[in-house]
Amino acid sequence: MNIATLPAGRSDDCPDGMSEEEWDVRVQLAACYRLIDHFGMTDLIYNHITARVPGPDHHFLINPFGPHYSEIAASGLVKVDLDGRPLDDPPDSPGTRINPAGYVIHACIHRARPDLHAVIHTHTRAGIAVSCLAEGLIPMEQNGYQFLDRIAYHDYEGIALDEAEQARLIADLSDCSVMILRNHGLLACGANVSQAFRRIYYLEMACKIQLDAMASGALRQPPAAVQTHTAAQWHDGTAGNGGANDETLEWPALMRLMDRKDAGYRT
């Protein structure tokens, strides 16, 4: 690739000693961090998005603790093992580069669900508000129906620092890919970064729409059969949107959006 033709600040060069596959995941994960910021889903320097590193070692990538999501770049992501140990930490300060809460939530999902290669956790105003409602999420519009009967719930146990909580979180997640952490926030997973982003984007929108509708008047729903039909259209792709498991329709456009805004995530 001719780097001179790329936007300022952009580099697609894979670093020496790193596989092309890992670098590609790093670039996509860094783009995802920037997209979460772009769409207003950040919480200062907190929360995490993780992605599995291709290969047999079961390592995953996570953000360093301190930078804002708008500052995340591919080369700055931290590679950790399933025990949460950064693999490139300086020997005089082991374990200081990541937030332990990120390890507790994300590592157990990467360990227990090998089908889920990317995990996104957010603390948004709308997501937390819905997580505090007894009824949780109420799918009530076209995009939200993709979550009909496909969302898990996990009760709040305090700041996620206790590794004993991991077993309960995985049991509650079961075979779902989206979960509401009660009194806490949202969680979305996918077979890749782009799939996880699509899910968190629409989950966040569903929460915002629900709160707007609940504040505006009596709720009106289509018949249950129509809701179920719409959910099926999402998941089998008959709606022409690629299906809930095909993220490729939006992802290239979203990465181009980040390239125009600031291609520094690729460095």
C-alpha atoms as a PDB file:
ATOM      1  CA  MET A   1       0.000   0.000   0.000  1.00  0.00           C
ATOM      2  CA  ASN A   2       1.253   3.500  -0.850  1.00  0.00           C
ATOM      3  CA  ILE A   3       1.261   5.312   2.499  1.00  0.00           C
ATOM      4  CA  ALA A   4       1.626   8.662   0.695  1.00  0.00           C
ATOM      5  CA  THR A   5      -1.926   8.294  -0.601  1.00  0.00           C
ATOM      6  CA  LEU A   6      -3.404   7.725   2.855  1.00  0.00           C
ATOM      7  CA  PRO A   7      -4.936  10.451   5.058  1.00  0.00           C
ATOM      8  CA  ALA A   8      -2.584  12.336   7.363  1.00  0.00           C
ATOM      9  CA  GLY A   9      -1.696  10.370  10.474  1.00  0.00           C
ATOM     10  CA  ARG A  10      -2.646   7.064   8.914  1.00  0.00           C
ATOM     11  CA  SER A  11      -0.362   4.044   8.579  1.00  0.00           C
ATOM     12  CA  ASP A  12      -1.369   0.544   7.568  1.00  0.00           C
ATOM     13  CA  ASP A  13       2.144  -0.841   8.054  1.00  0.00           C
ATOM     14  CA  CYS A  14       2.195  -3.945  10.238  1.00  0.00           C
ATOM     15  CA  PRO A  15       4.939  -3.644  12.893  1.00  0.00           C
ATOM     16  CA  ASP A  16       7.874  -6.026  12.722  1.00  0.00           C
ATOM     17  CA  GLY A  17       7.298  -9.219  14.657  1.00  0.00           C
ATOM     18  CA  MET A  18       3.486  -8.983  14.535  1.00  0.00           C
ATOM     19  CA  SER A  19       1.223 -11.026  12.292  1.00  0.00           C
ATOM     20  CA  GLU A  20      -0.922  -9.286   9.696  1.00  0.00           C
ATOM     21  CA  GLU A  21      -3.955 -10.906  11.327  1.00  0.00           C
ATOM     22  CA  GLU A  22      -3.226  -9.375  14.722  1.00  0.00           C
ATOM     23  CA  TRP A  23      -2.532  -5.962  13.224  1.00  0.00           C
ATOM     24  CA  ASP A  24      -5.856  -6.058  11.360  1.00  0.00           C
ATOM     25  CA  VAL A  25      -7.709  -6.806  14.609  1.00  0.00           C
ATOM     26  CA  ARG A  26      -5.807  -3.992  16.340  1.00  0.00           C
ATOM     27  CA  VAL A  27      -6.789  -1.490  13.654  1.00  0.00           C
ATOM     28  CA  GLN A  28     -10.442  -2.520  13.768  1.00  0.00           C
ATOM     29  CA  LEU A  29     -10.510  -2.465  17.572  1.00  0.00           C
ATOM     30  CA  ALA A  30      -8.920   1.002  17.669  1.00  0.00           C
ATOM     31  CA  ALA A  31     -11.524   2.167  15.138  1.00  0.00           C
ATOM     32  CA  CYS A  32     -14.245   0.771  17.398  1.00  0.00           C
ATOM     33  CA  TYR A  33     -12.961   2.775  20.375  1.00  0.00           C
ATOM     34  CA  ARG A  34     -13.031   5.936  18.253  1.00  0.00           C
ATOM     35  CA  LEU A  35     -16.559   5.093  17.024  1.00  0.00           C
ATOM     36  CA  ILE A  36     -17.849   4.608  20.568  1.00  0.00           C
ATOM     37  CA  ASP A  37     -16.529   8.090  21.329  1.00  0.00           C
ATOM     38  CA  HIS A  38     -17.957   9.511  18.082  1.00  0.00           C
ATOM     39  CA  PHE A  39     -21.446   8.239  18.939  1.00  0.00           C
ATOM     40  CA  GLY A  40     -21.312   9.522  22.526  1.00  0.00           C
ATOM     41  CA  MET A  41     -21.035   6.230  24.394  1.00  0.00           C
ATOM     42  CA  THR A  42     -17.905   6.914  26.469  1.00  0.00           C
ATOM     43  CA  ASP A  43     -17.547   7.303  30.254  1.00  0.00           C
ATOM     44  CA  LEU A  44     -14.416   9.437  30.749  1.00  0.00           C
ATOM     45  CA  ILE A  45     -11.486   6.963  30.673  1.00  0.00           C
ATOM     46  CA  TYR A  46     -13.503   3.956  31.882  1.00  0.00           C
ATOM     47  CA  ASN A  47     -15.083   0.900  30.227  1.00  0.00           C
ATOM     48  CA  HIS A  48     -13.505  -1.461  27.749  1.00  0.00           C
ATOM     49  CA  ILE A  49     -13.732  -3.027  24.334  1.00  0.00           C
ATOM     50  CA  THR A  50     -11.750  -6.209  23.860  1.00  0.00           C
ATOM     51  CA  ALA A  51     -10.965  -8.435  20.907  1.00  0.00           C
ATOM     52  CA  ARG A  52      -9.397 -11.868  20.661  1.00  0.00           C
ATOM     53  CA  VAL A  53      -5.993 -12.063  19.004  1.00  0.00           C
ATOM     54  CA  PRO A  54      -6.041 -14.622  16.158  1.00  0.00           C
ATOM     55  CA  GLY A  55      -4.025 -17.706  16.957  1.00  0.00           C
ATOM     56  CA  PRO A  56      -3.839 -20.565  19.450  1.00  0.00           C
ATOM     57  CA  ASP A  57      -2.793 -18.613  22.556  1.00  0.00           C
ATOM     58  CA  HIS A  58      -6.199 -17.217  23.632  1.00  0.00           C
ATOM     59  CA  HIS A  59      -4.817 -13.720  24.121  1.00  0.00           C
ATOM     60  CA  PHE A  60      -6.977 -10.637  23.784  1.00  0.00           C
ATOM     61  CA  LEU A  61      -6.471  -6.910  23.305  1.00  0.00           C
ATOM     62  CA  ILE A  62      -7.699  -4.233  25.704  1.00  0.00           C
ATOM     63  CA  ASN A  63      -7.226  -0.484  26.126  1.00  0.00           C
ATOM     64  CA  PRO A  64      -4.506   0.849  28.424  1.00  0.00           C
ATOM     65  CA  PHE A  65      -5.908   2.477  31.568  1.00  0.00           C
ATOM     66  CA  GLY A  66      -5.740   6.244  31.261  1.00  0.00           C
ATOM     67  CA  PRO A  67      -6.196   7.365  27.643  1.00  0.00           C
ATOM     68  CA  HIS A  68      -9.589   8.571  26.419  1.00  0.00           C
ATOM     69  CA  TYR A  69     -11.299   6.491  23.738  1.00  0.00           C
ATOM     70  CA  SER A  70     -10.599   9.278  21.241  1.00  0.00           C
ATOM     71  CA  GLU A  71      -6.861   8.682  21.781  1.00  0.00           C
ATOM     72  CA  ILE A  72      -6.769   4.921  21.275  1.00  0.00           C
ATOM     73  CA  ALA A  73      -4.472   3.714  18.491  1.00  0.00           C
ATOM     74  CA  ALA A  74      -3.751   0.224  17.195  1.00  0.00           C
ATOM     75  CA  SER A  75      -0.170   0.075  18.472  1.00  0.00           C
ATOM     76  CA  GLY A  76      -1.134   1.237  21.971  1.00  0.00           C
ATOM     77  CA  LEU A  77      -3.580  -1.569  22.726  1.00  0.00           C
ATOM     78  CA  VAL A  78      -2.417  -3.976  25.442  1.00  0.00           C
ATOM     79  CA  LYS A  79      -2.244  -7.723  24.792  1.00  0.00           C
ATOM     80  CA  VAL A  80      -3.232  -9.808  27.839  1.00  0.00           C
ATOM     81  CA  ASP A  81      -3.708 -13.468  28.622  1.00  0.00           C
ATOM     82  CA  LEU A  82      -6.880 -14.992  30.057  1.00  0.00           C
ATOM     83  CA  ASP A  83      -5.574 -14.365  33.576  1.00  0.00           C
ATOM     84  CA  GLY A  84      -5.412 -10.640  32.845  1.00  0.00           C
ATOM     85  CA  ARG A  85      -1.625 -10.448  32.716  1.00  0.00           C
ATOM     86  CA  PRO A  86      -0.328  -7.896  30.183  1.00  0.00           C
ATOM     87  CA  LEU A  87       2.214  -9.685  28.037  1.00  0.00           C
ATOM     88  CA  ASP A  88       4.399  -6.637  27.482  1.00  0.00           C
ATOM     89  CA  ASP A  89       4.364  -5.018  30.930  1.00  0.00           C
ATOM     90  CA  PRO A  90       7.615  -3.617  32.286  1.00  0.00           C
ATOM     91  CA  PRO A  91       8.989  -6.014  34.927  1.00  0.00           C
ATOM     92  CA  ASP A  92       9.118  -3.301  37.596  1.00  0.00           C
ATOM     93  CA  SER A  93       5.381  -2.486  37.329  1.00  0.00           C
ATOM     94  CA  PRO A  94       3.422  -5.601  36.360  1.00  0.00           C
ATOM     95  CA  GLY A  95      -0.327  -5.260  35.882  1.00  0.00           C
ATOM     96  CA  THR A  96      -0.403  -1.469  36.002  1.00  0.00           C
ATOM     97  CA  ARG A  97      -1.422  -0.822  32.399  1.00  0.00           C
ATOM     98  CA  ILE A  98      -5.041  -2.043  32.473  1.00  0.00           C
ATOM     99  CA  ASN A  99      -8.107  -1.514  34.636  1.00  0.00           C
ATOM    100  CA  PRO A 100      -8.749  -4.708  36.683  1.00  0.00           C
ATOM    101  CA  ALA A 101     -12.509  -4.342  36.195  1.00  0.00           C
ATOM    102  CA  GLY A 102     -11.975  -4.780  32.478  1.00  0.00           C
ATOM    103  CA  TYR A 103     -10.268  -8.109  33.049  1.00  0.00           C
ATOM    104  CA  VAL A 104     -12.984  -9.443  35.374  1.00  0.00           C
ATOM    105  CA  ILE A 105     -15.851  -8.868  32.932  1.00  0.00           C
ATOM    106  CA  HIS A 106     -14.130  -9.465  29.614  1.00  0.00           C
ATOM    107  CA  ALA A 107     -11.760 -12.332  30.384  1.00  0.00           C
ATOM    108  CA  CYS A 108     -14.478 -14.669  31.586  1.00  0.00           C
ATOM    109  CA  ILE A 109     -16.469 -14.146  28.381  1.00  0.00           C
ATOM    110  CA  HIS A 110     -13.413 -14.748  26.197  1.00  0.00           C
ATOM    111  CA  ARG A 111     -12.665 -17.893  28.207  1.00  0.00           C
ATOM    112  CA  ALA A 112     -16.184 -19.338  28.279  1.00  0.00           C
ATOM    113  CA  ARG A 113     -17.503 -18.270  24.868  1.00  0.00           C
ATOM    114  CA  PRO A 114     -14.958 -18.970  22.108  1.00  0.00           C
ATOM    115  CA  ASP A 115     -17.625 -17.969  19.559  1.00  0.00           C
ATOM    116  CA  LEU A 116     -17.495 -14.381  20.838  1.00  0.00           C
ATOM    117  CA  HIS A 117     -14.265 -12.708  19.736  1.00  0.00           C
ATOM    118  CA  ALA A 118     -15.193  -9.134  20.690  1.00  0.00           C
ATOM    119  CA  VAL A 119     -16.829  -7.678  23.803  1.00  0.00           C
ATOM    120  CA  ILE A 120     -18.053  -4.103  24.370  1.00  0.00           C
ATOM    121  CA  HIS A 121     -19.163  -2.729  27.749  1.00  0.00           C
ATOM    122  CA  THR A 122     -20.596   0.782  28.176  1.00  0.00           C
ATOM    123  CA  HIS A 123     -21.888   3.097  30.907  1.00  0.00           C
ATOM    124  CA  THR A 124     -24.187   5.382  28.945  1.00  0.00           C
ATOM    125  CA  ARG A 125     -26.941   7.530  30.420  1.00  0.00           C
ATOM    126  CA  ALA A 126     -29.673   5.701  28.505  1.00  0.00           C
ATOM    127  CA  GLY A 127     -28.177   2.245  29.041  1.00  0.00           C
ATOM    128  CA  ILE A 128     -27.809   2.716  32.785  1.00  0.00           C
ATOM    129  CA  ALA A 129     -31.316   4.183  33.044  1.00  0.00           C
ATOM    130  CA  VAL A 130     -32.862   1.152  31.351  1.00  0.00           C
ATOM    131  CA  SER A 131     -30.697  -1.156  33.478  1.00  0.00           C
ATOM    132  CA  CYS A 132     -32.339   0.404  36.544  1.00  0.00           C
ATOM    133  CA  LEU A 133     -35.895  -0.292  35.341  1.00  0.00           C
ATOM    134  CA  ALA A 134     -37.641  -3.365  36.709  1.00  0.00           C
ATOM    135  CA  GLU A 135     -38.822  -4.288  33.212  1.00  0.00           C
ATOM    136  CA  GLY A 136     -35.426  -3.733  31.628  1.00  0.00           C
ATOM    137  CA  LEU A 137     -35.401  -3.275  27.877  1.00  0.00           C
ATOM    138  CA  ILE A 138     -38.744  -3.181  26.083  1.00  0.00           C
ATOM    139  CA  PRO A 139     -38.161  -3.622  22.343  1.00  0.00           C
ATOM    140  CA  MET A 140     -40.717  -1.351  20.681  1.00  0.00           C
ATOM    141  CA  GLU A 141     -39.483  -0.368  17.240  1.00  0.00           C
ATOM    142  CA  GLN A 142     -38.047  -1.880  14.085  1.00  0.00           C
ATOM    143  CA  ASN A 143     -34.365  -2.007  15.048  1.00  0.00           C
ATOM    144  CA  GLY A 144     -35.046  -2.849  18.682  1.00  0.00           C
ATOM    145  CA  TYR A 145     -36.997  -5.992  17.815  1.00  0.00           C
ATOM    146  CA  GLN A 146     -33.715  -7.739  16.971  1.00  0.00           C
ATOM    147  CA  PHE A 147     -33.291  -8.084  20.758  1.00  0.00           C
ATOM    148  CA  LEU A 148     -36.714  -9.644  21.316  1.00  0.00           C
ATOM    149  CA  ASP A 149     -36.197 -12.677  23.603  1.00  0.00           C
ATOM    150  CA  ARG A 150     -32.447 -12.456  22.902  1.00  0.00           C
ATOM    151  CA  ILE A 151     -31.170 -10.376  25.814  1.00  0.00           C
ATOM    152  CA  ALA A 152     -29.685 -11.586  29.097  1.00  0.00           C
ATOM    153  CA  TYR A 153     -29.631  -9.859  32.514  1.00  0.00           C
ATOM    154  CA  HIS A 154     -27.085  -9.935  35.317  1.00  0.00           C
ATOM    155  CA  ASP A 155     -27.814  -8.528  38.788  1.00  0.00           C
ATOM    156  CA  TYR A 156     -25.530  -5.869  40.212  1.00  0.00           C
ATOM    157  CA  GLU A 157     -22.903  -7.104  42.710  1.00  0.00           C
ATOM    158  CA  GLY A 158     -20.768  -3.984  43.099  1.00  0.00           C
ATOM    159  CA  ILE A 159     -17.798  -2.722  41.074  1.00  0.00           C
ATOM    160  CA  ALA A 160     -16.602  -5.692  39.026  1.00  0.00           C
ATOM    161  CA  LEU A 161     -13.413  -6.541  40.900  1.00  0.00           C
ATOM    162  CA  ASP A 162     -14.416  -9.895  42.432  1.00  0.00           C
ATOM    163  CA  GLU A 163     -13.401 -12.812  40.228  1.00  0.00           C
ATOM    164  CA  ALA A 164     -16.032 -14.969  41.963  1.00  0.00           C
ATOM    165  CA  GLU A 165     -18.656 -12.962  40.048  1.00  0.00           C
ATOM    166  CA  GLN A 166     -17.373 -14.308  36.741  1.00  0.00           C
ATOM    167  CA  ALA A 167     -19.139 -17.655  37.030  1.00  0.00           C
ATOM    168  CA  ARG A 168     -22.475 -15.969  37.732  1.00  0.00           C
ATOM    169  CA  LEU A 169     -22.007 -13.508  34.870  1.00  0.00           C
ATOM    170  CA  ILE A 170     -21.307 -16.327  32.405  1.00  0.00           C
ATOM    171  CA  ALA A 171     -24.276 -18.340  33.700  1.00  0.00           C
ATOM    172  CA  ASP A 172     -26.541 -15.324  33.188  1.00  0.00           C
ATOM    173  CA  LEU A 173     -25.152 -14.614  29.708  1.00  0.00           C
ATOM    174  CA  SER A 174     -25.850 -18.232  28.707  1.00  0.00           C
ATOM    175  CA  ASP A 175     -26.017 -18.415  24.892  1.00  0.00           C
ATOM    176  CA  CYS A 176     -26.921 -14.744  24.395  1.00  0.00           C
ATOM    177  CA  SER A 177     -24.636 -12.155  22.843  1.00  0.00           C
ATOM    178  CA  VAL A 178     -26.213  -9.084  24.459  1.00  0.00           C
ATOM    179  CA  MET A 179     -26.736  -8.441  28.165  1.00  0.00           C
ATOM    180  CA  ILE A 180     -27.972  -5.703  30.455  1.00  0.00           C
ATOM    181  CA  LEU A 181     -25.939  -5.436  33.647  1.00  0.00           C
ATOM    182  CA  ARG A 182     -28.593  -4.259  36.081  1.00  0.00           C
ATOM    183  CA  ASN A 183     -27.916  -0.886  37.755  1.00  0.00           C
ATOM    184  CA  HIS A 184     -24.680  -0.804  35.780  1.00  0.00           C
ATOM    185  CA  GLY A 185     -24.758  -0.647  31.975  1.00  0.00           C
ATOM    186  CA  LEU A 186     -24.783  -2.531  28.686  1.00  0.00           C
ATOM    187  CA  LEU A 187     -22.777  -5.406  27.233  1.00  0.00           C
ATOM    188  CA  ALA A 188     -22.645  -6.557  23.607  1.00  0.00           C
ATOM    189  CA  CYS A 189     -20.504  -9.292  22.067  1.00  0.00           C
ATOM    190  CA  GLY A 190     -19.831 -10.552  18.579  1.00  0.00           C
ATOM    191  CA  ALA A 191     -17.869 -12.942  16.442  1.00  0.00           C
ATOM    192  CA  ASN A 192     -15.759  -9.934  15.450  1.00  0.00           C
ATOM    193  CA  VAL A 193     -15.370  -6.247  16.327  1.00  0.00           C
ATOM    194  CA  SER A 194     -17.797  -5.003  13.720  1.00  0.00           C
ATOM    195  CA  GLN A 195     -20.571  -7.354  14.812  1.00  0.00           C
ATOM    196  CA  ALA A 196     -20.184  -6.333  18.443  1.00  0.00           C
ATOM    197  CA  PHE A 197     -20.302  -2.647  17.453  1.00  0.00           C
ATOM    198  CA  ARG A 198     -23.493  -3.112  15.456  1.00  0.00           C
ATOM    199  CA  ARG A 199     -25.131  -4.733  18.472  1.00  0.00           C
ATOM    200  CA  ILE A 200     -24.074  -2.100  21.018  1.00  0.00           C
ATOM    201  CA  TYR A 201     -25.107   0.696  18.641  1.00  0.00           C
ATOM    202  CA  TYR A 202     -28.637  -0.640  18.211  1.00  0.00           C
ATOM    203  CA  LEU A 203     -28.929  -1.639  21.876  1.00  0.00           C
ATOM    204  CA  GLU A 204     -28.030   1.908  22.872  1.00  0.00           C
ATOM    205  CA  MET A 205     -30.564   3.300  20.386  1.00  0.00           C
ATOM    206  CA  ALA A 206     -33.255   0.952  21.722  1.00  0.00           C
ATOM    207  CA  CYS A 207     -32.618   2.224  25.247  1.00  0.00           C
ATOM    208  CA  LYS A 208     -32.813   5.878  24.140  1.00  0.00           C
ATOM    209  CA  ILE A 209     -36.033   5.286  22.188  1.00  0.00           C
ATOM    210  CA  GLN A 210     -37.620   3.431  25.099  1.00  0.00           C
ATOM    211  CA  LEU A 211     -36.889   6.257  27.537  1.00  0.00           C
ATOM    212  CA  ASP A 212     -38.174   8.873  25.080  1.00  0.00           C
ATOM    213  CA  ALA A 213     -41.369   6.904  24.474  1.00  0.00           C
ATOM    214  CA  MET A 214     -41.981   6.226  28.178  1.00  0.00           C
ATOM    215  CA  ALA A 215     -41.626   9.931  28.923  1.00  0.00           C
ATOM    216  CA  SER A 216     -43.987  10.938  26.127  1.00  0.00           C
ATOM    217  CA  GLY A 217     -47.174   8.988  26.792  1.00  0.00           C
ATOM    218  CA  ALA A 218     -48.825   5.579  26.671  1.00  0.00           C
ATOM    219  CA  LEU A 219     -46.804   2.990  24.783  1.00  0.00           C
ATOM    220  CA  ARG A 220     -48.251   1.352  21.683  1.00  0.00           C
ATOM    221  CA  GLN A 221     -46.919  -1.945  20.363  1.00  0.00           C
ATOM    222  CA  PRO A 222     -47.766  -3.863  17.175  1.00  0.00           C
ATOM    223  CA  PRO A 223     -49.217  -7.355  17.629  1.00  0.00           C
ATOM    224  CA  ALA A 224     -46.870  -9.939  19.117  1.00  0.00           C
ATOM    225  CA  ALA A 225     -46.799 -11.824  15.818  1.00  0.00           C
ATOM    226  CA  VAL A 226     -45.498  -8.730  14.031  1.00  0.00           C
ATOM    227  CA  GLN A 227     -42.780  -8.246  16.648  1.00  0.00           C
ATOM    228  CA  THR A 228     -41.683 -11.864  16.257  1.00  0.00           C
ATOM    229  CA  HIS A 229     -41.757 -11.570  12.461  1.00  0.00           C
ATOM    230  CA  THR A 230     -39.571  -8.459  12.577  1.00  0.00           C
ATOM    231  CA  ALA A 231     -37.078 -10.193  14.871  1.00  0.00           C
ATOM    232  CA  ALA A 232     -36.875 -13.088  12.409  1.00  0.00           C
ATOM    233  CA  GLN A 233     -36.276 -10.656   9.529  1.00  0.00           C
ATOM    234  CA  TRP A 234     -33.332  -9.227  11.451  1.00  0.00           C
ATOM    235  CA  HIS A 235     -31.773 -12.596  12.046  1.00  0.00           C
ATOM    236  CA  ASP A 236     -32.311 -14.268   8.687  1.00  0.00           C
ATOM    237  CA  GLY A 237     -31.449 -11.256   6.538  1.00  0.00           C
ATOM    238  CA  THR A 238     -34.714 -11.127   4.586  1.00  0.00           C
ATOM    239  CA  ALA A 239     -35.038  -7.427   5.406  1.00  0.00           C
ATOM    240  CA  GLY A 240     -32.067  -6.707   3.144  1.00  0.00           C
ATOM    241  CA  ASN A 241     -29.878  -5.479   5.988  1.00  0.00           C
ATOM    242  CA  GLY A 242     -27.514  -8.433   5.834  1.00  0.00           C
ATOM    243  CA  GLY A 243     -28.975 -10.077   8.908  1.00  0.00           C
ATOM    244  CA  ALA A 244     -27.975  -9.609  12.538  1.00  0.00           C
ATOM    245  CA  ASN A 245     -24.882 -11.729  11.981  1.00  0.00           C
ATOM    246  CA  ASP A 246     -23.564  -9.858   8.935  1.00  0.00           C
ATOM    247  CA  GLU A 247     -21.911  -6.586   9.846  1.00  0.00           C
ATOM    248  CA  THR A 248     -20.043  -6.009   6.610  1.00  0.00           C
ATOM    249  CA  LEU A 249     -22.674  -3.671   5.174  1.00  0.00           C
ATOM    250  CA  GLU A 250     -21.962  -0.896   7.676  1.00  0.00           C
ATOM    251  CA  TRP A 251     -18.414  -1.509   8.845  1.00  0.00           C
ATOM    252  CA  PRO A 252     -16.435  -0.283   5.813  1.00  0.00           C
ATOM    253  CA  ALA A 253     -18.458   2.940   5.838  1.00  0.00           C
ATOM    254  CA  LEU A 254     -17.832   3.403   9.547  1.00  0.00           C
ATOM    255  CA  MET A 255     -14.089   2.939   9.116  1.00  0.00           C
ATOM    256  CA  ARG A 256     -14.118   5.478   6.278  1.00  0.00           C
ATOM    257  CA  LEU A 257     -15.919   7.842   8.636  1.00  0.00           C
ATOM    258  CA  MET A 258     -13.096   7.440  11.164  1.00  0.00           C
ATOM    259  CA  ASP A 259     -10.481   7.875   8.434  1.00  0.00           C
ATOM    260  CA  ARG A 260     -12.015  11.213   7.479  1.00  0.00           C
ATOM    261  CA  LYS A 261     -12.316  12.321  11.090  1.00  0.00           C
ATOM    262  CA  ASP A 262      -8.874  11.214  12.339  1.00  0.00           C
ATOM    263  CA  ALA A 263      -6.985   8.273  10.850  1.00  0.00           C
ATOM    264  CA  GLY A 264      -4.543   8.288  13.771  1.00  0.00           C
ATOM    265  CA  TYR A 265      -6.274   5.200  15.166  1.00  0.00           C
ATOM    266  CA  ARG A 266      -4.394   3.216  12.501  1.00  0.00           C
ATOM    267  CA  THR A 267      -0.967   4.060  13.900  1.00  0.00           C
END
